[in-house]
C-alpha atoms as a PDB file:
ATOM      1  CA  MET A   1       4.733 -10.494   8.170  1.00  0.00           C
ATOM      2  CA  THR A   2       6.816  -7.993   6.886  1.00  0.00           C
ATOM      3  CA  LYS A   3       9.059  -8.014   3.924  1.00  0.00           C
ATOM      4  CA  SER A   4      12.600  -5.933   3.646  1.00  0.00           C
ATOM      5  CA  ASP A   5      12.716  -3.387   0.868  1.00  0.00           C
ATOM      6  CA  GLY A   6      14.351  -5.702  -1.513  1.00  0.00           C
ATOM      7  CA  GLU A   7      11.329  -8.712  -0.777  1.00  0.00           C
ATOM      8  CA  LEU A   8       8.535  -6.031  -2.133  1.00  0.00           C
ATOM      9  CA  VAL A   9      10.818  -5.098  -5.394  1.00  0.00           C
ATOM     10  CA  ALA A  10      11.040  -9.045  -5.371  1.00  0.00           C
ATOM     11  CA  SER A  11       7.597  -9.645  -4.994  1.00  0.00           C
ATOM     12  CA  LEU A  12       6.739  -7.308  -7.454  1.00  0.00           C
ATOM     13  CA  SER A  13       9.339  -8.870 -10.093  1.00  0.00           C
ATOM     14  CA  GLN A  14       7.800 -12.554  -9.151  1.00  0.00           C
ATOM     15  CA  GLN A  15       3.976 -10.796  -9.761  1.00  0.00           C
ATOM     16  CA  LEU A  16       5.039  -9.783 -13.343  1.00  0.00           C
ATOM     17  CA  ALA A  17       7.517 -12.376 -14.696  1.00  0.00           C
ATOM     18  CA  GLU A  18       4.339 -15.264 -13.617  1.00  0.00           C
ATOM     19  CA  GLN A  19       2.169 -13.486 -16.441  1.00  0.00           C
ATOM     20  CA  LEU A  20       4.808 -14.049 -18.614  1.00  0.00           C
ATOM     21  CA  GLN A  21       4.532 -16.729 -21.600  1.00  0.00           C
ATOM     22  CA  ILE A  22       8.673 -16.987 -21.120  1.00  0.00           C
ATOM     23  CA  VAL A  23      11.720 -16.694 -18.828  1.00  0.00           C
ATOM     24  CA  PRO A  24      13.190 -13.393 -20.048  1.00  0.00           C
ATOM     25  CA  PRO A  25      16.693 -13.588 -20.783  1.00  0.00           C
ATOM     26  CA  GLU A  26      17.497 -11.010 -17.934  1.00  0.00           C
ATOM     27  CA  LEU A  27      16.044 -12.899 -15.929  1.00  0.00           C
ATOM     28  CA  LYS A  28      18.212 -15.942 -16.523  1.00  0.00           C
ATOM     29  CA  ARG A  29      20.908 -14.426 -15.761  1.00  0.00           C
ATOM     30  CA  PHE A  30      19.923 -12.585 -12.953  1.00  0.00           C
ATOM     31  CA  HIS A  31      19.395 -15.785 -11.270  1.00  0.00           C
ATOM     32  CA  GLU A  32      22.354 -17.316 -12.352  1.00  0.00           C
ATOM     33  CA  LYS A  33      24.559 -14.294 -11.197  1.00  0.00           C
ATOM     34  CA  LYS A  34      22.862 -14.783  -8.222  1.00  0.00           C
ATOM     35  CA  GLN A  35      23.360 -18.399  -8.016  1.00  0.00           C
ATOM     36  CA  LEU A  36      27.417 -18.217  -8.700  1.00  0.00           C
ATOM     37  CA  LYS A  37      27.243 -15.665  -5.741  1.00  0.00           C
ATOM     38  CA  THR A  38      30.217 -13.843  -7.238  1.00  0.00           C
ATOM     39  CA  ARG A  39      28.821 -10.616  -5.241  1.00  0.00           C
ATOM     40  CA  ALA A  40      25.945  -9.387  -3.100  1.00  0.00           C
ATOM     41  CA  VAL A  41      22.510  -8.876  -4.993  1.00  0.00           C
ATOM     42  CA  THR A  42      22.033  -4.881  -4.842  1.00  0.00           C
ATOM     43  CA  ASN A  43      19.207  -2.648  -5.229  1.00  0.00           C
ATOM     44  CA  GLU A  44      20.750  -1.688  -8.842  1.00  0.00           C
ATOM     45  CA  ASP A  45      20.282  -5.072  -9.566  1.00  0.00           C
ATOM     46  CA  ARG A  46      16.889  -5.650  -8.492  1.00  0.00           C
ATOM     47  CA  LEU A  47      15.662  -2.561  -9.978  1.00  0.00           C
ATOM     48  CA  LEU A  48      17.213  -3.705 -13.758  1.00  0.00           C
ATOM     49  CA  VAL A  49      15.500  -6.715 -13.441  1.00  0.00           C
ATOM     50  CA  PHE A  50      12.067  -5.021 -12.269  1.00  0.00           C
ATOM     51  CA  LYS A  51      12.421  -2.382 -15.232  1.00  0.00           C
ATOM     52  CA  SER A  52      13.118  -5.199 -17.761  1.00  0.00           C
ATOM     53  CA  LEU A  53      10.249  -7.146 -16.597  1.00  0.00           C
ATOM     54  CA  VAL A  54       7.879  -4.108 -17.281  1.00  0.00           C
ATOM     55  CA  THR A  55       9.087  -3.591 -21.082  1.00  0.00           C
ATOM     56  CA  HIS A  56       7.258  -6.668 -21.468  1.00  0.00           C
ATOM     57  CA  PHE A  57       3.974  -5.016 -20.525  1.00  0.00           C
ATOM     58  CA  SER A  58       1.726  -2.184 -22.349  1.00  0.00           C
ATOM     59  CA  ARG A  59       0.980  -0.759 -19.249  1.00  0.00           C
ATOM     60  CA  VAL A  60       1.822  -1.598 -15.431  1.00  0.00           C
ATOM     61  CA  TYR A  61       0.073  -0.199 -12.195  1.00  0.00           C
ATOM     62  CA  ILE A  62       1.319  -1.148  -8.790  1.00  0.00           C
ATOM     63  CA  PHE A  63      -1.142  -0.419  -6.167  1.00  0.00           C
ATOM     64  CA  ILE A  64       0.374  -0.325  -2.762  1.00  0.00           C
ATOM     65  CA  ASP A  65      -1.913   0.110   0.666  1.00  0.00           C
ATOM     66  CA  ALA A  66      -1.507   1.766   3.789  1.00  0.00           C
ATOM     67  CA  LEU A  67       2.557   2.238   3.123  1.00  0.00           C
ATOM     68  CA  ASP A  68       2.345   4.371   6.714  1.00  0.00           C
ATOM     69  CA  GLU A  69       2.463   1.100   8.400  1.00  0.00           C
ATOM     70  CA  CYS A  70       6.076  -0.021   7.061  1.00  0.00           C
ATOM     71  CA  SER A  71       8.429   0.487   9.399  1.00  0.00           C
ATOM     72  CA  LYS A  72      10.110   3.885   8.221  1.00  0.00           C
ATOM     73  CA  ASP A  73      13.356   2.428   6.987  1.00  0.00           C
ATOM     74  CA  ASN A  74      11.811  -0.190   4.851  1.00  0.00           C
ATOM     75  CA  ARG A  75       9.470   2.700   3.901  1.00  0.00           C
ATOM     76  CA  ASP A  76      12.382   4.946   2.801  1.00  0.00           C
ATOM     77  CA  LYS A  77      14.348   2.371   1.149  1.00  0.00           C
ATOM     78  CA  PHE A  78      11.032   0.974  -0.638  1.00  0.00           C
ATOM     79  CA  LEU A  79      10.386   4.708  -1.720  1.00  0.00           C
ATOM     80  CA  TRP A  80      14.301   4.756  -3.278  1.00  0.00           C
ATOM     81  CA  TYR A  81      12.923   2.370  -5.577  1.00  0.00           C
ATOM     82  CA  LEU A  82       9.659   3.613  -5.844  1.00  0.00           C
ATOM     83  CA  LYS A  83      10.914   7.009  -6.843  1.00  0.00           C
ATOM     84  CA  ARG A  84      13.083   5.486  -9.933  1.00  0.00           C
ATOM     85  CA  MET A  85      10.488   3.361 -11.252  1.00  0.00           C
ATOM     86  CA  GLN A  86       7.810   6.424 -11.763  1.00  0.00           C
ATOM     87  CA  GLY A  87       8.792   7.195 -15.245  1.00  0.00           C
ATOM     88  CA  PHE A  88       7.455   3.734 -16.720  1.00  0.00           C
ATOM     89  CA  MET A  89       4.749   2.548 -14.596  1.00  0.00           C
ATOM     90  CA  HIS A  90       1.839   4.028 -12.445  1.00  0.00           C
ATOM     91  CA  ILE A  91       1.767   3.760  -8.917  1.00  0.00           C
ATOM     92  CA  PHE A  92      -1.198   4.187  -6.480  1.00  0.00           C
ATOM     93  CA  ILE A  93      -0.300   4.673  -3.037  1.00  0.00           C
ATOM     94  CA  THR A  94      -2.700   4.480   0.132  1.00  0.00           C
ATOM     95  CA  SER A  95      -1.508   6.308   3.035  1.00  0.00           C
ATOM     96  CA  ARG A  96      -2.010   8.824   6.309  1.00  0.00           C
ATOM     97  CA  PRO A  97      -1.012  12.277   5.675  1.00  0.00           C
ATOM     98  CA  HIS A  98       2.407  12.329   7.696  1.00  0.00           C
ATOM     99  CA  VAL A  99       3.977  10.447   5.376  1.00  0.00           C
ATOM    100  CA  ASP A 100       5.803  12.587   2.608  1.00  0.00           C
ATOM    101  CA  LEU A 101       4.994  11.277  -0.640  1.00  0.00           C
ATOM    102  CA  ASP A 102       5.350  15.218  -2.117  1.00  0.00           C
ATOM    103  CA  SER A 103       9.459  14.942  -2.430  1.00  0.00           C
ATOM    104  CA  CYS A 104       9.327  11.618  -3.545  1.00  0.00           C
ATOM    105  CA  PHE A 105       7.297  11.991  -6.888  1.00  0.00           C
ATOM    106  CA  ILE A 106       6.938  14.452  -9.756  1.00  0.00           C
ATOM    107  CA  HIS A 107       3.584  15.157 -11.729  1.00  0.00           C
ATOM    108  CA  MET A 108       2.004  13.211  -8.413  1.00  0.00           C
ATOM    109  CA  SER A 109      -2.199  13.877  -8.119  1.00  0.00           C
ATOM    110  CA  LYS A 110      -3.297  14.091  -4.621  1.00  0.00           C
ATOM    111  CA  LEU A 111      -6.266  12.515  -3.258  1.00  0.00           C
ATOM    112  CA  GLU A 112      -7.187  13.476   0.284  1.00  0.00           C
ATOM    113  CA  ILE A 113      -9.893  11.204   1.881  1.00  0.00           C
ATOM    114  CA  VAL A 114     -11.093  12.735   5.189  1.00  0.00           C
ATOM    115  CA  SER A 115     -13.634  11.354   7.518  1.00  0.00           C
ATOM    116  CA  ARG A 116     -16.896  13.630   8.490  1.00  0.00           C
ATOM    117  CA  ASP A 117     -19.103  12.911  11.771  1.00  0.00           C
ATOM    118  CA  SER A 118     -21.951  13.110   9.332  1.00  0.00           C
ATOM    119  CA  ASP A 119     -20.355   9.765   7.286  1.00  0.00           C
ATOM    120  CA  ILE A 120     -19.400   8.183  10.857  1.00  0.00           C
ATOM    121  CA  LYS A 121     -22.911   9.142  12.569  1.00  0.00           C
ATOM    122  CA  GLU A 122     -25.107   7.225   9.367  1.00  0.00           C
ATOM    123  CA  TYR A 123     -23.123   4.448   9.202  1.00  0.00           C
ATOM    124  CA  LEU A 124     -22.981   3.671  12.981  1.00  0.00           C
ATOM    125  CA  LEU A 125     -27.039   4.515  13.312  1.00  0.00           C
ATOM    126  CA  SER A 126     -27.128   1.314  10.596  1.00  0.00           C
ATOM    127  CA  GLU A 127     -24.521  -0.925  12.555  1.00  0.00           C
ATOM    128  CA  ILE A 128     -26.617   0.029  15.367  1.00  0.00           C
ATOM    129  CA  ASP A 129     -29.699  -0.922  13.945  1.00  0.00           C
ATOM    130  CA  ARG A 130     -28.738  -4.170  12.477  1.00  0.00           C
ATOM    131  CA  ASP A 131     -27.138  -5.097  15.658  1.00  0.00           C
ATOM    132  CA  THR A 132     -29.744  -6.605  17.559  1.00  0.00           C
ATOM    133  CA  GLY A 133     -27.854  -7.836  20.694  1.00  0.00           C
ATOM    134  CA  LEU A 134     -26.819  -3.604  20.578  1.00  0.00           C
ATOM    135  CA  ALA A 135     -30.434  -2.424  19.773  1.00  0.00           C
ATOM    136  CA  LYS A 136     -31.791  -4.393  23.197  1.00  0.00           C
ATOM    137  CA  LEU A 137     -28.686  -2.432  25.487  1.00  0.00           C
ATOM    138  CA  ILE A 138     -29.590   0.382  23.766  1.00  0.00           C
ATOM    139  CA  ALA A 139     -33.831  -0.006  24.048  1.00  0.00           C
ATOM    140  CA  ARG A 140     -32.690  -0.245  27.988  1.00  0.00           C
ATOM    141  CA  ASP A 141     -30.579   2.993  27.891  1.00  0.00           C
ATOM    142  CA  PRO A 142     -31.469   5.102  25.165  1.00  0.00           C
ATOM    143  CA  ARG A 143     -28.461   7.399  26.317  1.00  0.00           C
ATOM    144  CA  LEU A 144     -26.385   4.913  25.252  1.00  0.00           C
ATOM    145  CA  LYS A 145     -26.590   5.090  21.625  1.00  0.00           C
ATOM    146  CA  GLU A 146     -26.042   8.832  21.788  1.00  0.00           C
ATOM    147  CA  GLU A 147     -22.484   8.372  24.132  1.00  0.00           C
ATOM    148  CA  ILE A 148     -21.486   5.471  21.216  1.00  0.00           C
ATOM    149  CA  ILE A 149     -21.764   7.746  18.718  1.00  0.00           C
ATOM    150  CA  ASP A 150     -20.283  10.523  20.019  1.00  0.00           C
ATOM    151  CA  SER A 151     -17.482   8.475  21.162  1.00  0.00           C
ATOM    152  CA  ILE A 152     -16.623   6.787  18.325  1.00  0.00           C
ATOM    153  CA  CYS A 153     -16.713  10.455  15.949  1.00  0.00           C
ATOM    154  CA  THR A 154     -14.279  11.936  18.464  1.00  0.00           C
ATOM    155  CA  LYS A 155     -11.837   9.246  18.398  1.00  0.00           C
ATOM    156  CA  ALA A 156     -12.173   8.531  14.644  1.00  0.00           C
ATOM    157  CA  LYS A 157     -10.803  12.622  13.993  1.00  0.00           C
ATOM    158  CA  GLY A 158      -8.204  12.490  11.601  1.00  0.00           C
ATOM    159  CA  MET A 159      -8.303   8.621  10.241  1.00  0.00           C
END
């Protein structure tokens, strides 16, 4: 299921709120305003609620996996929120390198993980040895093992 940027921030806020013993007054006010429908909820409203919830914790960590799999529009909007949150919480993001995070975050540490053919080959050899059906096929045609390994290593470049 794909979530919009607002739904993502609402989900993060909900996760924080569920850990609290009481409902903070600022969250009550937000819901009251929302019920009255005097105006549409804005990105700033969502951000203020989230920020106020964060103050109830000594540390907050957000882990975002595969940000590159978000649609560009939702990703850009979500990054707008994250950019404004970076000063009061810890953010950990995994993404493929084509997503530009450098321009969004100050003091960002970056760790690049690149697969090596030797790692992939070692993994494939162990999986081939473990899979009895595949082992039978390879016993009939020993070249098949190298073909499998070469093909996967070639296609895995940059993953």
